[in-house]
Amino acid sequence: GRPEEYQGGRDTTSIVDYAKQLYEDSLPPPEAFELLSNDQFEKDCTSRQLCFIAFLPDLRDSSAQTRYFQINYLTANAATFKMRPFSWAWLAAGTQPELEAALDIGGAGFPVLVALNAGKKKFAVHRGAFEAKAIKDFVNVLVAGRAHTSPLKGDLPSLAKAVEWDGEDAAPMEDYEEEFDLADLEDLDDPPHEEL
């Protein structure tokens, strides 16, 4: 970049604060990563103050384009809150049913965003729209301590190893073939025959 003239105060505190701000501005935001294994869950998620986990719809219920938008909402918020000890993960709904049950979100409709504090064994579920501004508002409410949290019931489950998303839409459903010939069924309109 181009050099710019320092316009701040000449005291030590002002210069140090300016240098810190330059450093923070130059840091890359954390990545919104796909949660694929228990090792990754422990290393990159449960070790953080807060781990935001997005459960995204199955691609048979959505599209690759929609999933990219949803991941970008996470990435935008990761950039906004990059100086916080947060991590940002996502996974396809239904791939970790034990985690969904532990966080009390199974069957609630997807996408769902959960903020998990593994150290305190608490979590909060985002109940608003799944878009960048709504997620930012949710994080701000959490940071301010005004969000409703729930305790984990027991320990977090171990995650099963998952298959990484290939970035494509779901493969089309295969054609269904009949396993039997309908002509083999009795005519349901005939009364049942009684044997003597």
N, C-alpha and C. Protein backbone atom coordinates (compact mmCIF):
# COMPACT_ATOMS: atom_id res chain seq x y z
N GLY A 1 0.80 -1.18 0.00
CA GLY A 1 0.00 0.00 0.00
C GLY A 1 0.85 1.25 0.00
N ARG A 2 0.20 2.34 -0.09
CA ARG A 2 0.87 3.64 -0.08
C ARG A 2 1.12 4.08 1.35
N PRO A 3 2.23 4.75 1.57
CA PRO A 3 2.46 5.29 2.92
C PRO A 3 1.48 6.42 3.18
N GLU A 4 1.07 6.54 4.43
CA GLU A 4 0.19 7.63 4.80
C GLU A 4 0.77 8.32 6.02
N GLU A 5 0.50 9.58 6.11
CA GLU A 5 1.05 10.37 7.20
C GLU A 5 0.27 10.11 8.48
N TYR A 6 0.98 9.89 9.56
CA TYR A 6 0.37 9.64 10.86
C TYR A 6 -0.19 10.96 11.39
N GLN A 7 -1.48 10.98 11.70
CA GLN A 7 -2.15 12.19 12.14
C GLN A 7 -2.50 12.16 13.63
N GLY A 8 -2.14 11.07 14.32
CA GLY A 8 -2.52 10.91 15.72
C GLY A 8 -1.61 11.67 16.67
N GLY A 9 -1.86 11.45 17.96
CA GLY A 9 -1.09 12.09 19.02
C GLY A 9 0.36 11.59 19.01
N ARG A 10 1.22 12.34 19.65
CA ARG A 10 2.65 12.02 19.67
C ARG A 10 3.08 11.32 20.96
N ASP A 11 2.13 11.01 21.81
CA ASP A 11 2.48 10.32 23.06
C ASP A 11 2.53 8.80 22.80
N THR A 12 3.15 8.09 23.70
CA THR A 12 3.37 6.65 23.54
C THR A 12 2.06 5.89 23.38
N THR A 13 1.07 6.19 24.20
CA THR A 13 -0.21 5.48 24.16
C THR A 13 -0.88 5.64 22.80
N SER A 14 -0.89 6.84 22.25
CA SER A 14 -1.53 7.08 20.95
C SER A 14 -0.81 6.33 19.84
N ILE A 15 0.50 6.33 19.87
CA ILE A 15 1.27 5.63 18.83
C ILE A 15 1.07 4.12 18.93
N VAL A 16 1.08 3.58 20.14
CA VAL A 16 0.86 2.15 20.33
C VAL A 16 -0.55 1.76 19.91
N ASP A 17 -1.55 2.56 20.27
CA ASP A 17 -2.93 2.28 19.88
C ASP A 17 -3.09 2.29 18.36
N TYR A 18 -2.43 3.23 17.71
CA TYR A 18 -2.48 3.32 16.25
C TYR A 18 -1.82 2.09 15.62
N ALA A 19 -0.70 1.66 16.16
CA ALA A 19 -0.01 0.48 15.64
C ALA A 19 -0.87 -0.78 15.84
N LYS A 20 -1.52 -0.88 17.00
CA LYS A 20 -2.41 -2.03 17.24
C LYS A 20 -3.56 -2.05 16.24
N GLN A 21 -4.13 -0.86 15.98
CA GLN A 21 -5.24 -0.79 15.04
C GLN A 21 -4.79 -1.19 13.63
N LEU A 22 -3.60 -0.74 13.22
CA LEU A 22 -3.08 -1.15 11.92
C LEU A 22 -2.89 -2.66 11.86
N TYR A 23 -2.37 -3.23 12.94
CA TYR A 23 -2.16 -4.67 13.01
C TYR A 23 -3.49 -5.42 12.91
N GLU A 24 -4.48 -4.99 13.69
CA GLU A 24 -5.80 -5.64 13.68
C GLU A 24 -6.45 -5.54 12.31
N ASP A 25 -6.32 -4.38 11.67
CA ASP A 25 -6.91 -4.20 10.35
C ASP A 25 -6.26 -5.10 9.31
N SER A 26 -4.99 -5.45 9.51
CA SER A 26 -4.28 -6.26 8.52
C SER A 26 -4.48 -7.76 8.71
N LEU A 27 -5.03 -8.16 9.85
CA LEU A 27 -5.23 -9.59 10.10
C LEU A 27 -6.33 -10.14 9.21
N PRO A 28 -6.12 -11.34 8.67
CA PRO A 28 -7.22 -11.95 7.91
C PRO A 28 -8.30 -12.44 8.87
N PRO A 29 -9.55 -12.43 8.45
CA PRO A 29 -10.60 -12.94 9.33
C PRO A 29 -10.49 -14.46 9.46
N PRO A 30 -11.02 -15.01 10.55
CA PRO A 30 -11.03 -16.47 10.65
C PRO A 30 -11.92 -17.05 9.55
N GLU A 31 -11.62 -18.25 9.17
CA GLU A 31 -12.37 -18.90 8.11
C GLU A 31 -13.63 -19.56 8.69
N ALA A 32 -14.71 -19.51 7.94
CA ALA A 32 -15.90 -20.30 8.29
C ALA A 32 -15.66 -21.68 7.70
N PHE A 33 -15.40 -22.66 8.56
CA PHE A 33 -14.97 -23.98 8.08
C PHE A 33 -16.08 -25.01 8.19
N GLU A 34 -15.99 -26.00 7.32
CA GLU A 34 -16.93 -27.12 7.38
C GLU A 34 -16.48 -28.06 8.47
N LEU A 35 -17.37 -28.40 9.36
CA LEU A 35 -17.07 -29.26 10.50
C LEU A 35 -17.15 -30.72 10.05
N LEU A 36 -15.99 -31.40 10.01
CA LEU A 36 -15.92 -32.73 9.42
C LEU A 36 -15.52 -33.85 10.36
N SER A 37 -14.97 -33.51 11.54
CA SER A 37 -14.49 -34.58 12.43
C SER A 37 -14.51 -34.11 13.88
N ASN A 38 -14.40 -35.07 14.77
CA ASN A 38 -14.37 -34.75 16.19
C ASN A 38 -13.07 -34.03 16.56
N ASP A 39 -11.95 -34.44 15.95
CA ASP A 39 -10.67 -33.76 16.22
C ASP A 39 -10.76 -32.28 15.85
N GLN A 40 -11.33 -32.01 14.71
CA GLN A 40 -11.49 -30.62 14.27
C GLN A 40 -12.44 -29.87 15.20
N PHE A 41 -13.50 -30.53 15.64
CA PHE A 41 -14.47 -29.94 16.57
C PHE A 41 -13.77 -29.52 17.86
N GLU A 42 -12.93 -30.41 18.40
CA GLU A 42 -12.23 -30.10 19.65
C GLU A 42 -11.16 -29.04 19.44
N LYS A 43 -10.41 -29.12 18.35
CA LYS A 43 -9.30 -28.19 18.11
C LYS A 43 -9.78 -26.78 17.74
N ASP A 44 -10.75 -26.71 16.84
CA ASP A 44 -11.13 -25.42 16.27
C ASP A 44 -12.44 -24.84 16.81
N CYS A 45 -13.17 -25.62 17.59
CA CYS A 45 -14.48 -25.14 18.03
C CYS A 45 -14.59 -25.10 19.55
N THR A 46 -14.49 -26.23 20.21
CA THR A 46 -14.74 -26.25 21.65
C THR A 46 -13.64 -25.57 22.45
N SER A 47 -12.48 -25.35 21.84
CA SER A 47 -11.38 -24.67 22.54
C SER A 47 -11.54 -23.15 22.54
N ARG A 48 -12.51 -22.62 21.80
CA ARG A 48 -12.74 -21.18 21.70
C ARG A 48 -13.77 -20.73 22.70
N GLN A 49 -13.76 -19.42 23.01
CA GLN A 49 -14.75 -18.87 23.93
C GLN A 49 -16.16 -19.15 23.40
N LEU A 50 -16.38 -18.83 22.14
CA LEU A 50 -17.66 -19.14 21.48
C LEU A 50 -17.37 -19.76 20.13
N CYS A 51 -18.11 -20.79 19.83
CA CYS A 51 -18.06 -21.38 18.50
C CYS A 51 -19.45 -21.26 17.91
N PHE A 52 -19.55 -20.58 16.79
CA PHE A 52 -20.82 -20.45 16.09
C PHE A 52 -20.91 -21.57 15.08
N ILE A 53 -21.94 -22.39 15.23
CA ILE A 53 -22.12 -23.55 14.36
C ILE A 53 -23.42 -23.37 13.59
N ALA A 54 -23.29 -23.34 12.28
CA ALA A 54 -24.47 -23.23 11.42
C ALA A 54 -24.82 -24.61 10.88
N PHE A 55 -26.06 -25.01 11.10
CA PHE A 55 -26.59 -26.25 10.55
C PHE A 55 -27.35 -25.85 9.30
N LEU A 56 -26.77 -26.13 8.13
CA LEU A 56 -27.35 -25.70 6.86
C LEU A 56 -28.22 -26.80 6.27
N PRO A 57 -29.24 -26.42 5.49
CA PRO A 57 -30.15 -27.43 4.94
C PRO A 57 -29.41 -28.43 4.05
N ASP A 58 -29.93 -29.64 4.03
CA ASP A 58 -29.43 -30.65 3.12
C ASP A 58 -29.58 -30.11 1.69
N LEU A 59 -28.66 -30.43 0.83
CA LEU A 59 -28.70 -29.91 -0.54
C LEU A 59 -29.91 -30.41 -1.33
N ARG A 60 -30.54 -31.49 -0.90
CA ARG A 60 -31.76 -31.94 -1.57
C ARG A 60 -32.92 -31.01 -1.24
N ASP A 61 -32.78 -30.20 -0.17
CA ASP A 61 -33.80 -29.23 0.22
C ASP A 61 -33.41 -27.80 -0.13
N SER A 62 -32.25 -27.62 -0.74
CA SER A 62 -31.70 -26.30 -1.00
C SER A 62 -30.93 -26.36 -2.31
N SER A 63 -29.90 -25.52 -2.43
CA SER A 63 -29.04 -25.55 -3.62
C SER A 63 -27.64 -25.13 -3.22
N ALA A 64 -26.69 -25.41 -4.08
CA ALA A 64 -25.31 -25.01 -3.81
C ALA A 64 -25.22 -23.49 -3.71
N GLN A 65 -25.94 -22.78 -4.58
CA GLN A 65 -25.90 -21.31 -4.54
C GLN A 65 -26.39 -20.78 -3.20
N THR A 66 -27.48 -21.33 -2.68
CA THR A 66 -28.00 -20.91 -1.38
C THR A 66 -27.00 -21.21 -0.28
N ARG A 67 -26.38 -22.40 -0.35
CA ARG A 67 -25.39 -22.75 0.67
C ARG A 67 -24.21 -21.77 0.63
N TYR A 68 -23.75 -21.40 -0.55
CA TYR A 68 -22.65 -20.42 -0.65
C TYR A 68 -23.05 -19.09 -0.01
N PHE A 69 -24.28 -18.64 -0.25
CA PHE A 69 -24.76 -17.41 0.39
C PHE A 69 -24.71 -17.55 1.91
N GLN A 70 -25.19 -18.67 2.42
CA GLN A 70 -25.22 -18.87 3.86
C GLN A 70 -23.82 -18.91 4.46
N ILE A 71 -22.89 -19.55 3.78
CA ILE A 71 -21.50 -19.57 4.25
C ILE A 71 -20.91 -18.17 4.21
N ASN A 72 -21.26 -17.40 3.19
CA ASN A 72 -20.78 -16.02 3.11
C ASN A 72 -21.30 -15.16 4.25
N TYR A 73 -22.52 -15.42 4.73
CA TYR A 73 -23.03 -14.69 5.90
C TYR A 73 -22.15 -14.96 7.11
N LEU A 74 -21.74 -16.22 7.27
CA LEU A 74 -20.84 -16.57 8.38
C LEU A 74 -19.49 -15.88 8.20
N THR A 75 -18.95 -15.93 6.99
CA THR A 75 -17.65 -15.33 6.70
C THR A 75 -17.67 -13.83 6.96
N ALA A 76 -18.75 -13.15 6.59
CA ALA A 76 -18.86 -11.70 6.83
C ALA A 76 -18.82 -11.41 8.32
N ASN A 77 -19.49 -12.22 9.12
CA ASN A 77 -19.49 -12.00 10.56
C ASN A 77 -18.17 -12.40 11.18
N ALA A 78 -17.51 -13.41 10.64
CA ALA A 78 -16.18 -13.77 11.12
C ALA A 78 -15.24 -12.58 10.93
N ALA A 79 -15.37 -11.86 9.81
CA ALA A 79 -14.55 -10.68 9.56
C ALA A 79 -14.90 -9.56 10.53
N THR A 80 -16.18 -9.36 10.77
CA THR A 80 -16.62 -8.30 11.68
C THR A 80 -16.10 -8.52 13.10
N PHE A 81 -16.11 -9.76 13.55
CA PHE A 81 -15.72 -10.09 14.92
C PHE A 81 -14.37 -10.80 14.98
N LYS A 82 -13.48 -10.47 14.05
CA LYS A 82 -12.22 -11.22 13.95
C LYS A 82 -11.30 -11.06 15.15
N MET A 83 -11.47 -10.03 15.93
CA MET A 83 -10.60 -9.85 17.10
C MET A 83 -11.16 -10.56 18.34
N ARG A 84 -12.31 -11.16 18.23
CA ARG A 84 -12.91 -11.90 19.34
C ARG A 84 -12.45 -13.35 19.28
N PRO A 85 -12.40 -14.04 20.42
CA PRO A 85 -11.98 -15.45 20.42
C PRO A 85 -13.11 -16.39 19.99
N PHE A 86 -13.62 -16.17 18.77
CA PHE A 86 -14.73 -16.94 18.24
C PHE A 86 -14.24 -17.80 17.08
N SER A 87 -14.96 -18.88 16.84
CA SER A 87 -14.74 -19.65 15.61
C SER A 87 -16.10 -19.81 14.93
N TRP A 88 -16.05 -20.09 13.64
CA TRP A 88 -17.24 -20.13 12.81
C TRP A 88 -17.23 -21.42 12.00
N ALA A 89 -18.18 -22.29 12.26
CA ALA A 89 -18.23 -23.59 11.59
C ALA A 89 -19.61 -23.80 10.97
N TRP A 90 -19.66 -24.70 10.03
CA TRP A 90 -20.95 -25.07 9.43
C TRP A 90 -20.92 -26.56 9.09
N LEU A 91 -22.10 -27.13 9.00
CA LEU A 91 -22.25 -28.51 8.57
C LEU A 91 -23.64 -28.70 8.02
N ALA A 92 -23.81 -29.75 7.26
CA ALA A 92 -25.13 -30.05 6.69
C ALA A 92 -26.01 -30.65 7.78
N ALA A 93 -27.23 -30.18 7.84
CA ALA A 93 -28.18 -30.72 8.81
C ALA A 93 -28.33 -32.22 8.59
N GLY A 94 -28.43 -32.94 9.68
CA GLY A 94 -28.61 -34.38 9.61
C GLY A 94 -27.32 -35.18 9.61
N THR A 95 -26.17 -34.52 9.43
CA THR A 95 -24.91 -35.26 9.41
C THR A 95 -24.40 -35.58 10.80
N GLN A 96 -24.83 -34.82 11.81
CA GLN A 96 -24.41 -35.06 13.20
C GLN A 96 -25.65 -35.03 14.10
N PRO A 97 -26.51 -36.06 14.01
CA PRO A 97 -27.78 -36.02 14.77
C PRO A 97 -27.58 -35.95 16.29
N GLU A 98 -26.51 -36.53 16.82
CA GLU A 98 -26.29 -36.47 18.27
C GLU A 98 -25.97 -35.05 18.71
N LEU A 99 -25.22 -34.30 17.89
CA LEU A 99 -24.92 -32.90 18.21
C LEU A 99 -26.20 -32.07 18.12
N GLU A 100 -27.01 -32.32 17.10
CA GLU A 100 -28.28 -31.61 16.98
C GLU A 100 -29.16 -31.86 18.20
N ALA A 101 -29.19 -33.10 18.67
CA ALA A 101 -30.00 -33.43 19.85
C ALA A 101 -29.44 -32.74 21.10
N ALA A 102 -28.11 -32.72 21.25
CA ALA A 102 -27.49 -32.08 22.42
C ALA A 102 -27.78 -30.58 22.44
N LEU A 103 -27.89 -29.98 21.26
CA LEU A 103 -28.15 -28.54 21.16
C LEU A 103 -29.64 -28.24 20.96
N ASP A 104 -30.45 -29.27 21.04
CA ASP A 104 -31.90 -29.14 21.02
C ASP A 104 -32.41 -28.44 19.76
N ILE A 105 -31.88 -28.82 18.60
CA ILE A 105 -32.32 -28.17 17.37
C ILE A 105 -32.87 -29.13 16.33
N GLY A 106 -32.81 -30.41 16.56
CA GLY A 106 -33.27 -31.37 15.56
C GLY A 106 -34.70 -31.14 15.17
N GLY A 107 -34.97 -31.14 13.87
CA GLY A 107 -36.32 -31.00 13.37
C GLY A 107 -36.90 -29.61 13.46
N ALA A 108 -36.08 -28.61 13.78
CA ALA A 108 -36.59 -27.25 13.97
C ALA A 108 -36.65 -26.46 12.68
N GLY A 109 -36.23 -27.03 11.58
CA GLY A 109 -36.13 -26.29 10.33
C GLY A 109 -34.74 -25.71 10.21
N PHE A 110 -34.22 -25.70 9.02
CA PHE A 110 -32.85 -25.26 8.82
C PHE A 110 -32.82 -24.18 7.76
N PRO A 111 -31.88 -23.25 7.80
CA PRO A 111 -30.67 -23.23 8.62
C PRO A 111 -30.92 -22.77 10.05
N VAL A 112 -30.03 -23.22 10.94
CA VAL A 112 -30.05 -22.84 12.35
C VAL A 112 -28.63 -22.48 12.75
N LEU A 113 -28.48 -21.41 13.52
CA LEU A 113 -27.17 -21.02 14.03
C LEU A 113 -27.18 -21.16 15.54
N VAL A 114 -26.14 -21.81 16.06
CA VAL A 114 -26.00 -22.02 17.50
C VAL A 114 -24.67 -21.43 17.94
N ALA A 115 -24.69 -20.72 19.04
CA ALA A 115 -23.46 -20.24 19.69
C ALA A 115 -23.18 -21.19 20.85
N LEU A 116 -22.02 -21.82 20.82
CA LEU A 116 -21.68 -22.81 21.83
C LEU A 116 -20.50 -22.33 22.66
N ASN A 117 -20.68 -22.32 23.98
CA ASN A 117 -19.58 -22.08 24.90
C ASN A 117 -19.34 -23.41 25.60
N ALA A 118 -18.41 -24.19 25.07
CA ALA A 118 -18.16 -25.54 25.59
C ALA A 118 -17.59 -25.49 27.00
N GLY A 119 -16.80 -24.48 27.31
CA GLY A 119 -16.21 -24.36 28.65
C GLY A 119 -17.26 -24.20 29.73
N LYS A 120 -18.28 -23.39 29.45
CA LYS A 120 -19.36 -23.18 30.42
C LYS A 120 -20.51 -24.15 30.23
N LYS A 121 -20.42 -24.98 29.19
CA LYS A 121 -21.47 -25.95 28.86
C LYS A 121 -22.82 -25.27 28.67
N LYS A 122 -22.79 -24.18 27.87
CA LYS A 122 -24.01 -23.43 27.56
C LYS A 122 -24.06 -23.17 26.06
N PHE A 123 -25.27 -22.94 25.58
CA PHE A 123 -25.44 -22.61 24.17
C PHE A 123 -26.64 -21.68 24.01
N ALA A 124 -26.65 -20.99 22.90
CA ALA A 124 -27.78 -20.12 22.54
C ALA A 124 -28.11 -20.38 21.08
N VAL A 125 -29.39 -20.39 20.78
CA VAL A 125 -29.85 -20.65 19.42
C VAL A 125 -30.36 -19.34 18.82
N HIS A 126 -29.87 -19.02 17.64
CA HIS A 126 -30.34 -17.83 16.91
C HIS A 126 -31.71 -18.14 16.34
N ARG A 127 -32.71 -17.36 16.72
CA ARG A 127 -34.09 -17.60 16.30
C ARG A 127 -34.54 -16.69 15.16
N GLY A 128 -33.66 -15.81 14.70
CA GLY A 128 -34.04 -14.86 13.65
C GLY A 128 -33.69 -15.36 12.27
N ALA A 129 -33.75 -14.44 11.32
CA ALA A 129 -33.44 -14.76 9.93
C ALA A 129 -31.97 -15.14 9.79
N PHE A 130 -31.69 -16.01 8.84
CA PHE A 130 -30.31 -16.42 8.60
C PHE A 130 -29.73 -15.54 7.50
N GLU A 131 -29.31 -14.33 7.90
CA GLU A 131 -28.68 -13.38 7.00
C GLU A 131 -27.65 -12.59 7.79
N ALA A 132 -26.73 -11.94 7.10
CA ALA A 132 -25.56 -11.33 7.75
C ALA A 132 -25.94 -10.37 8.87
N LYS A 133 -26.87 -9.45 8.64
CA LYS A 133 -27.21 -8.46 9.67
C LYS A 133 -27.86 -9.11 10.88
N ALA A 134 -28.76 -10.05 10.66
CA ALA A 134 -29.43 -10.72 11.77
C ALA A 134 -28.43 -11.52 12.61
N ILE A 135 -27.47 -12.14 11.95
CA ILE A 135 -26.43 -12.89 12.67
C ILE A 135 -25.57 -11.92 13.48
N LYS A 136 -25.22 -10.78 12.89
CA LYS A 136 -24.44 -9.78 13.61
C LYS A 136 -25.18 -9.29 14.85
N ASP A 137 -26.47 -9.04 14.71
CA ASP A 137 -27.28 -8.61 15.86
C ASP A 137 -27.30 -9.69 16.95
N PHE A 138 -27.42 -10.94 16.55
CA PHE A 138 -27.40 -12.06 17.49
C PHE A 138 -26.08 -12.09 18.26
N VAL A 139 -24.96 -11.93 17.56
CA VAL A 139 -23.65 -11.94 18.21
C VAL A 139 -23.54 -10.77 19.18
N ASN A 140 -23.99 -9.59 18.77
CA ASN A 140 -23.93 -8.42 19.65
C ASN A 140 -24.75 -8.62 20.92
N VAL A 141 -25.93 -9.25 20.80
CA VAL A 141 -26.75 -9.54 21.97
C VAL A 141 -26.02 -10.53 22.89
N LEU A 142 -25.37 -11.52 22.29
CA LEU A 142 -24.59 -12.49 23.08
C LEU A 142 -23.45 -11.80 23.83
N VAL A 143 -22.71 -10.98 23.10
CA VAL A 143 -21.55 -10.29 23.69
C VAL A 143 -21.99 -9.38 24.83
N ALA A 144 -23.16 -8.77 24.69
CA ALA A 144 -23.68 -7.89 25.73
C ALA A 144 -24.27 -8.67 26.91
N GLY A 145 -24.39 -9.98 26.77
CA GLY A 145 -24.91 -10.80 27.86
C GLY A 145 -26.42 -10.77 27.98
N ARG A 146 -27.12 -10.40 26.90
CA ARG A 146 -28.57 -10.29 26.96
C ARG A 146 -29.29 -11.44 26.26
N ALA A 147 -28.55 -12.40 25.72
CA ALA A 147 -29.17 -13.50 24.99
C ALA A 147 -29.60 -14.61 25.96
N HIS A 148 -30.69 -15.27 25.61
CA HIS A 148 -31.13 -16.43 26.40
C HIS A 148 -30.20 -17.60 26.09
N THR A 149 -29.63 -18.19 27.12
CA THR A 149 -28.77 -19.36 26.94
C THR A 149 -29.40 -20.56 27.63
N SER A 150 -29.02 -21.73 27.17
CA SER A 150 -29.50 -22.97 27.76
C SER A 150 -28.30 -23.82 28.16
N PRO A 151 -28.44 -24.58 29.24
CA PRO A 151 -27.33 -25.46 29.64
C PRO A 151 -27.33 -26.72 28.78
N LEU A 152 -26.13 -27.23 28.52
CA LEU A 152 -26.03 -28.52 27.85
C LEU A 152 -26.51 -29.60 28.81
N LYS A 153 -27.20 -30.58 28.30
CA LYS A 153 -27.64 -31.70 29.12
C LYS A 153 -26.60 -32.79 28.97
N GLY A 154 -25.63 -32.81 29.85
CA GLY A 154 -24.55 -33.80 29.74
C GLY A 154 -23.39 -33.27 28.92
N ASP A 155 -22.54 -34.19 28.52
CA ASP A 155 -21.36 -33.83 27.73
C ASP A 155 -21.71 -33.71 26.26
N LEU A 156 -20.85 -33.00 25.54
CA LEU A 156 -21.02 -32.93 24.09
C LEU A 156 -20.70 -34.30 23.49
N PRO A 157 -21.44 -34.71 22.47
CA PRO A 157 -21.15 -36.01 21.86
C PRO A 157 -19.90 -35.95 21.00
N SER A 158 -19.32 -37.10 20.75
CA SER A 158 -18.23 -37.19 19.79
C SER A 158 -18.84 -37.12 18.40
N LEU A 159 -18.19 -36.39 17.52
CA LEU A 159 -18.73 -36.26 16.17
C LEU A 159 -18.23 -37.38 15.28
N ALA A 160 -19.10 -37.84 14.42
CA ALA A 160 -18.72 -38.84 13.43
C ALA A 160 -17.95 -38.15 12.30
N LYS A 161 -17.09 -38.89 11.65
CA LYS A 161 -16.35 -38.34 10.51
C LYS A 161 -17.34 -38.11 9.37
N ALA A 162 -17.30 -36.94 8.77
CA ALA A 162 -18.23 -36.58 7.70
C ALA A 162 -17.48 -36.44 6.38
N VAL A 163 -18.21 -36.51 5.31
CA VAL A 163 -17.64 -36.35 3.97
C VAL A 163 -17.70 -34.88 3.60
N GLU A 164 -16.58 -34.35 3.12
CA GLU A 164 -16.50 -32.93 2.75
C GLU A 164 -17.41 -32.64 1.56
N TRP A 165 -18.09 -31.49 1.62
CA TRP A 165 -18.96 -31.06 0.52
C TRP A 165 -18.11 -30.76 -0.70
N ASP A 166 -18.55 -31.21 -1.86
CA ASP A 166 -17.81 -31.01 -3.10
C ASP A 166 -18.11 -29.67 -3.77
N GLY A 167 -18.97 -28.85 -3.17
CA GLY A 167 -19.28 -27.54 -3.74
C GLY A 167 -20.37 -27.57 -4.79
N GLU A 168 -20.92 -28.72 -5.04
CA GLU A 168 -21.93 -28.88 -6.09
C GLU A 168 -23.31 -29.09 -5.49
N ASP A 169 -24.34 -28.96 -6.36
CA ASP A 169 -25.69 -29.31 -5.97
C ASP A 169 -25.77 -30.81 -5.70
N ALA A 170 -26.82 -31.23 -5.02
CA ALA A 170 -27.02 -32.65 -4.76
C ALA A 170 -27.28 -33.37 -6.08
N ALA A 171 -26.82 -34.61 -6.15
CA ALA A 171 -27.09 -35.42 -7.34
C ALA A 171 -28.59 -35.65 -7.45
N PRO A 172 -29.11 -35.70 -8.67
CA PRO A 172 -30.54 -35.93 -8.81
C PRO A 172 -30.92 -37.31 -8.25
N MET A 173 -32.14 -37.38 -7.75
CA MET A 173 -32.62 -38.64 -7.20
C MET A 173 -32.72 -39.68 -8.33
N GLU A 174 -32.38 -40.90 -8.01
CA GLU A 174 -32.50 -41.97 -8.99
C GLU A 174 -33.97 -42.30 -9.20
N ASP A 175 -34.28 -42.76 -10.42
CA ASP A 175 -35.66 -43.16 -10.69
C ASP A 175 -36.01 -44.35 -9.81
N TYR A 176 -37.22 -44.35 -9.34
CA TYR A 176 -37.70 -45.41 -8.47
C TYR A 176 -38.27 -46.52 -9.34
N GLU A 177 -37.81 -47.72 -9.10
CA GLU A 177 -38.35 -48.87 -9.82
C GLU A 177 -39.25 -49.65 -8.89
N GLU A 178 -40.36 -50.11 -9.44
CA GLU A 178 -41.27 -50.92 -8.64
C GLU A 178 -40.59 -52.23 -8.28
N GLU A 179 -40.79 -52.64 -7.05
CA GLU A 179 -40.21 -53.90 -6.61
C GLU A 179 -41.14 -55.07 -6.88
N PHE A 180 -42.36 -54.79 -7.25
CA PHE A 180 -43.33 -55.84 -7.55
C PHE A 180 -44.28 -55.33 -8.61
N ASP A 181 -44.95 -56.23 -9.24
CA ASP A 181 -45.90 -55.89 -10.28
C ASP A 181 -47.25 -55.66 -9.61
N LEU A 182 -47.86 -54.53 -9.86
CA LEU A 182 -49.14 -54.20 -9.25
C LEU A 182 -50.24 -55.19 -9.67
N ALA A 183 -50.06 -55.83 -10.82
CA ALA A 183 -51.05 -56.79 -11.28
C ALA A 183 -51.09 -58.02 -10.37
N ASP A 184 -50.03 -58.25 -9.63
CA ASP A 184 -49.97 -59.40 -8.72
C ASP A 184 -50.82 -59.20 -7.48
N LEU A 185 -51.21 -57.99 -7.20
CA LEU A 185 -52.03 -57.74 -6.02
C LEU A 185 -53.46 -58.16 -6.29
N GLU A 186 -54.15 -58.63 -5.25
CA GLU A 186 -55.56 -58.98 -5.40
C GLU A 186 -56.36 -57.72 -5.69
N ASP A 187 -57.42 -57.90 -6.38
CA ASP A 187 -58.30 -56.77 -6.64
C ASP A 187 -58.93 -56.37 -5.32
N LEU A 188 -58.64 -55.17 -4.88
CA LEU A 188 -59.09 -54.72 -3.57
C LEU A 188 -60.59 -54.46 -3.52
N ASP A 189 -61.23 -54.38 -4.70
CA ASP A 189 -62.67 -54.15 -4.72
C ASP A 189 -63.47 -55.41 -4.46
N ASP A 190 -62.89 -56.58 -4.68
CA ASP A 190 -63.58 -57.85 -4.44
C ASP A 190 -63.69 -58.11 -2.95
N PRO A 191 -64.82 -58.62 -2.50
CA PRO A 191 -64.91 -58.96 -1.07
C PRO A 191 -63.96 -60.11 -0.74
N PRO A 192 -63.51 -60.19 0.49
CA PRO A 192 -62.61 -61.28 0.86
C PRO A 192 -63.31 -62.63 0.74
N HIS A 193 -62.56 -63.63 0.35
CA HIS A 193 -63.10 -65.00 0.22
C HIS A 193 -62.94 -65.72 1.54
N GLU A 194 -64.02 -66.38 1.94
CA GLU A 194 -63.96 -67.17 3.16
C GLU A 194 -63.76 -68.62 2.77
N GLU A 195 -62.85 -69.26 3.43
CA GLU A 195 -62.67 -70.70 3.21
C GLU A 195 -63.49 -71.44 4.23
N LEU A 196 -64.10 -72.53 3.79
CA LEU A 196 -64.93 -73.33 4.68
C LEU A 196 -64.17 -74.46 5.32
